[in-house]
Protein backbone atom coordinates (compact mmCIF):
# COMPACT_ATOMS: atom_id res chain seq x y z
CA MET A 1 80.28 119.26 90.66
CA LEU A 2 82.49 121.75 92.57
CA THR A 3 84.51 118.77 94.11
CA LEU A 4 85.11 117.37 90.61
CA PHE A 5 86.06 120.83 89.42
CA ARG A 6 88.59 121.17 92.27
CA ILE A 7 90.12 117.91 91.27
CA ALA A 8 90.29 119.07 87.65
CA MET A 9 92.13 122.28 88.76
CA ILE A 10 95.04 120.23 90.31
CA PRO A 11 96.68 119.43 86.91
CA VAL A 12 96.18 123.12 85.93
CA LEU A 13 98.07 124.15 89.08
CA VAL A 14 100.84 121.61 88.29
CA LEU A 15 101.10 122.88 84.64
CA ALA A 16 101.20 126.45 85.84
CA PHE A 17 103.89 125.60 88.35
CA TYR A 18 106.17 124.04 85.77
CA TRP A 19 105.35 126.34 82.89
CA PRO A 20 108.41 128.39 81.97
CA GLU A 21 108.44 131.72 83.78
CA PHE A 22 105.76 134.18 82.76
CA GLU A 23 104.68 137.53 84.09
CA ASN A 24 102.80 137.25 87.38
CA LYS A 25 103.22 133.43 87.63
CA HIS A 26 103.29 133.81 91.41
CA VAL A 27 99.80 135.46 91.36
CA VAL A 28 98.42 132.73 89.06
CA LEU A 29 99.81 129.95 91.31
CA ALA A 30 98.45 131.46 94.56
CA SER A 31 95.16 132.42 92.96
CA LEU A 32 94.63 128.90 91.61
CA PHE A 33 95.41 127.34 94.95
CA PHE A 34 93.21 129.79 96.92
CA PHE A 35 90.42 129.28 94.34
CA ILE A 36 90.68 125.50 94.99
CA GLY A 37 90.45 126.22 98.76
CA VAL A 38 87.48 128.56 98.47
CA THR A 39 85.62 126.18 96.23
CA ASP A 40 86.11 123.59 98.99
CA LEU A 41 84.39 125.88 101.52
CA LEU A 42 81.67 126.79 98.98
CA ASP A 43 81.13 123.15 98.07
CA GLY A 44 80.33 122.07 101.60
CA TYR A 45 78.22 125.09 102.31
CA LEU A 46 76.18 124.74 99.19
CA ALA A 47 75.69 121.02 99.73
CA ARG A 48 74.25 121.64 103.13
CA ILE A 49 71.97 124.60 102.40
CA LEU A 50 70.74 123.11 99.13
CA ASN A 51 70.37 119.69 100.78
CA GLN A 52 72.43 118.13 98.08
CA GLN A 53 74.67 116.01 100.23
CA SER A 54 75.54 112.60 98.86
CA ALA A 55 77.59 109.51 99.64
CA PHE A 56 79.74 110.24 96.56
CA GLY A 57 80.35 113.85 97.66
CA ALA A 58 81.16 112.77 101.22
CA PHE A 59 83.74 110.38 99.76
CA LEU A 60 85.19 112.65 97.11
CA ASP A 61 85.40 115.92 99.09
CA PRO A 62 88.19 114.73 101.48
CA VAL A 63 90.00 113.04 98.55
CA ALA A 64 90.01 116.39 96.66
CA ASP A 65 91.37 118.17 99.79
CA LYS A 66 94.10 115.68 100.38
CA LEU A 67 95.11 115.59 96.65
CA SER A 68 95.30 119.35 96.42
CA VAL A 69 97.25 119.90 99.63
CA SER A 70 99.66 116.90 99.01
CA ILE A 71 100.41 117.83 95.41
CA ALA A 72 100.87 121.46 96.30
CA LEU A 73 103.31 120.49 99.04
CA ILE A 74 105.20 118.20 96.68
CA LEU A 75 105.53 121.19 94.24
CA ILE A 76 106.78 123.45 97.05
CA VAL A 77 109.30 120.93 98.24
CA SER A 78 110.54 120.56 94.68
CA ALA A 79 111.08 124.31 94.50
CA HIS A 80 112.67 124.52 97.96
CA PRO A 81 114.46 121.24 98.56
CA GLY A 82 115.82 120.56 101.94
CA PRO A 83 114.59 119.53 105.35
CA PHE A 84 113.16 122.97 106.29
CA VAL A 85 110.24 122.39 103.99
CA ALA A 86 110.35 118.61 103.48
CA ILE A 87 109.85 117.80 107.15
CA PRO A 88 106.56 119.68 107.78
CA ALA A 89 105.38 118.54 104.31
CA ALA A 90 106.06 114.91 105.22
CA VAL A 91 104.32 115.42 108.56
CA ILE A 92 101.23 116.82 106.84
CA ILE A 93 101.14 114.24 104.05
CA GLY A 94 101.88 111.35 106.49
CA ARG A 95 99.10 112.47 108.75
CA GLU A 96 96.61 112.63 105.83
CA LEU A 97 97.52 109.04 104.82
CA THR A 98 97.33 107.82 108.41
CA ILE A 99 93.94 109.34 109.17
CA SER A 100 92.48 108.31 105.77
CA ALA A 101 93.55 104.70 106.57
CA LEU A 102 92.24 104.96 110.11
CA ARG A 103 88.85 106.28 108.81
CA GLU A 104 88.64 103.45 106.30
CA TRP A 105 89.44 100.85 108.96
CA MET A 106 87.04 102.33 111.49
CA ALA A 107 84.24 102.35 108.83
CA THR A 108 84.87 98.61 108.14
CA ILE A 109 84.30 97.79 111.77
CA GLY A 110 81.34 100.12 112.07
CA HIS A 111 82.91 102.80 114.17
CA ASN A 112 83.32 105.57 111.62
CA SER A 113 81.47 108.09 113.81
CA ASP A 114 84.38 107.94 116.27
CA VAL A 115 86.69 109.62 113.73
CA LYS A 116 84.48 112.13 111.96
CA VAL A 117 85.83 115.56 110.98
CA SER A 118 86.44 117.86 113.94
CA ASN A 119 86.82 121.65 114.28
CA MET A 120 90.52 121.03 114.82
CA GLY A 121 90.63 119.30 111.46
CA LYS A 122 88.97 122.36 109.80
CA ILE A 123 91.42 124.79 111.51
CA LYS A 124 94.32 122.59 110.43
CA THR A 125 93.11 122.59 106.81
CA ALA A 126 92.62 126.31 106.77
CA GLY A 127 96.17 126.80 108.10
CA GLN A 128 97.52 124.46 105.45
CA LEU A 129 95.67 126.36 102.66
CA TRP A 130 96.96 129.74 103.79
CA ALA A 131 100.52 128.41 104.28
CA ILE A 132 100.58 126.80 100.83
CA GLY A 133 99.00 129.82 99.15
CA PHE A 134 101.62 132.16 100.57
CA MET A 135 104.44 129.83 99.67
CA LEU A 136 103.18 129.51 96.13
CA TYR A 137 102.96 133.35 95.85
CA GLU A 138 106.55 133.47 97.10
CA GLN A 139 107.39 137.02 95.71
CA PRO A 140 108.00 139.80 98.21
CA ILE A 141 105.41 142.51 98.58
CA GLY A 142 107.36 145.46 99.70
CA TRP A 143 108.82 144.52 103.05
CA PHE A 144 106.44 141.56 103.50
CA SER A 145 107.82 138.15 102.54
CA PRO A 146 104.87 135.81 101.73
CA LEU A 147 107.38 132.85 101.51
CA GLN A 148 108.77 133.46 104.98
CA PHE A 149 105.22 133.95 106.32
CA GLY A 150 104.18 130.73 104.50
CA TYR A 151 107.08 128.89 106.25
CA ILE A 152 105.78 130.04 109.69
CA LEU A 153 102.19 128.93 108.76
CA LEU A 154 103.43 125.67 107.45
CA TYR A 155 105.12 124.84 110.76
CA ILE A 156 102.04 125.97 112.68
CA SER A 157 99.96 123.79 110.32
CA ALA A 158 102.27 120.80 110.87
CA ALA A 159 101.83 121.22 114.63
CA LEU A 160 98.03 121.49 114.26
CA THR A 161 98.19 118.45 111.96
CA LEU A 162 99.95 116.40 114.63
CA TRP A 163 97.58 117.63 117.32
CA SER A 164 94.52 116.65 115.21
CA MET A 165 96.07 113.24 114.46
CA VAL A 166 96.64 112.56 118.12
CA ALA A 167 92.99 113.53 118.88
CA TYR A 168 91.75 111.15 116.15
CA LEU A 169 93.97 108.29 117.43
CA ILE A 170 92.74 108.89 121.01
CA ALA A 171 89.15 108.79 119.80
CA ALA A 172 89.89 105.52 117.89
CA TRP A 173 92.02 103.98 120.61
CA PRO A 174 89.30 101.86 122.22
CA SER A 175 88.59 100.21 118.83
CA LEU A 176 92.24 99.93 117.95
CA LYS A 177 93.22 98.11 121.10
CA LYS A 178 90.47 95.44 120.88
CA ASP A 179 91.69 91.96 120.04
CA GLY A 180 90.28 90.55 116.72
């Protein structure tokens, strides 16, 4: 249920992003996105401790993650066009598509355990959530610039994204290089 709720919150985030300026819009955007991220953590935790894991949940959870991150990055790139944001966003979204396709292909040949979620993938996701949250907040807090800090975290996240992708590709390489 939490995963479905996360997916339902994505259009709310998009509407809030494009809604004409209103007081504390930056707080609403960052809070919505962080709420989506926290429910992701809570969702997995509750499923494990309540023993409510399901095949549908295992399928939908990463879809919700990829949708929320990809759509938020697209929103951020639309607000800050140019290569400085577009390049790391493209790296992150490209990696998500590549690894999703890799996992699907590995599952069809019976090797999906070779590309299961790693700790690096979880760290990468946490970095992305923080980067995007700060970039959505955007407004200065005294001397602190959440937007600039978000840029830094976005580049760190993009590097972690590439690192985790390489790790997945190395793990899958024996299956990828087989003929037929």
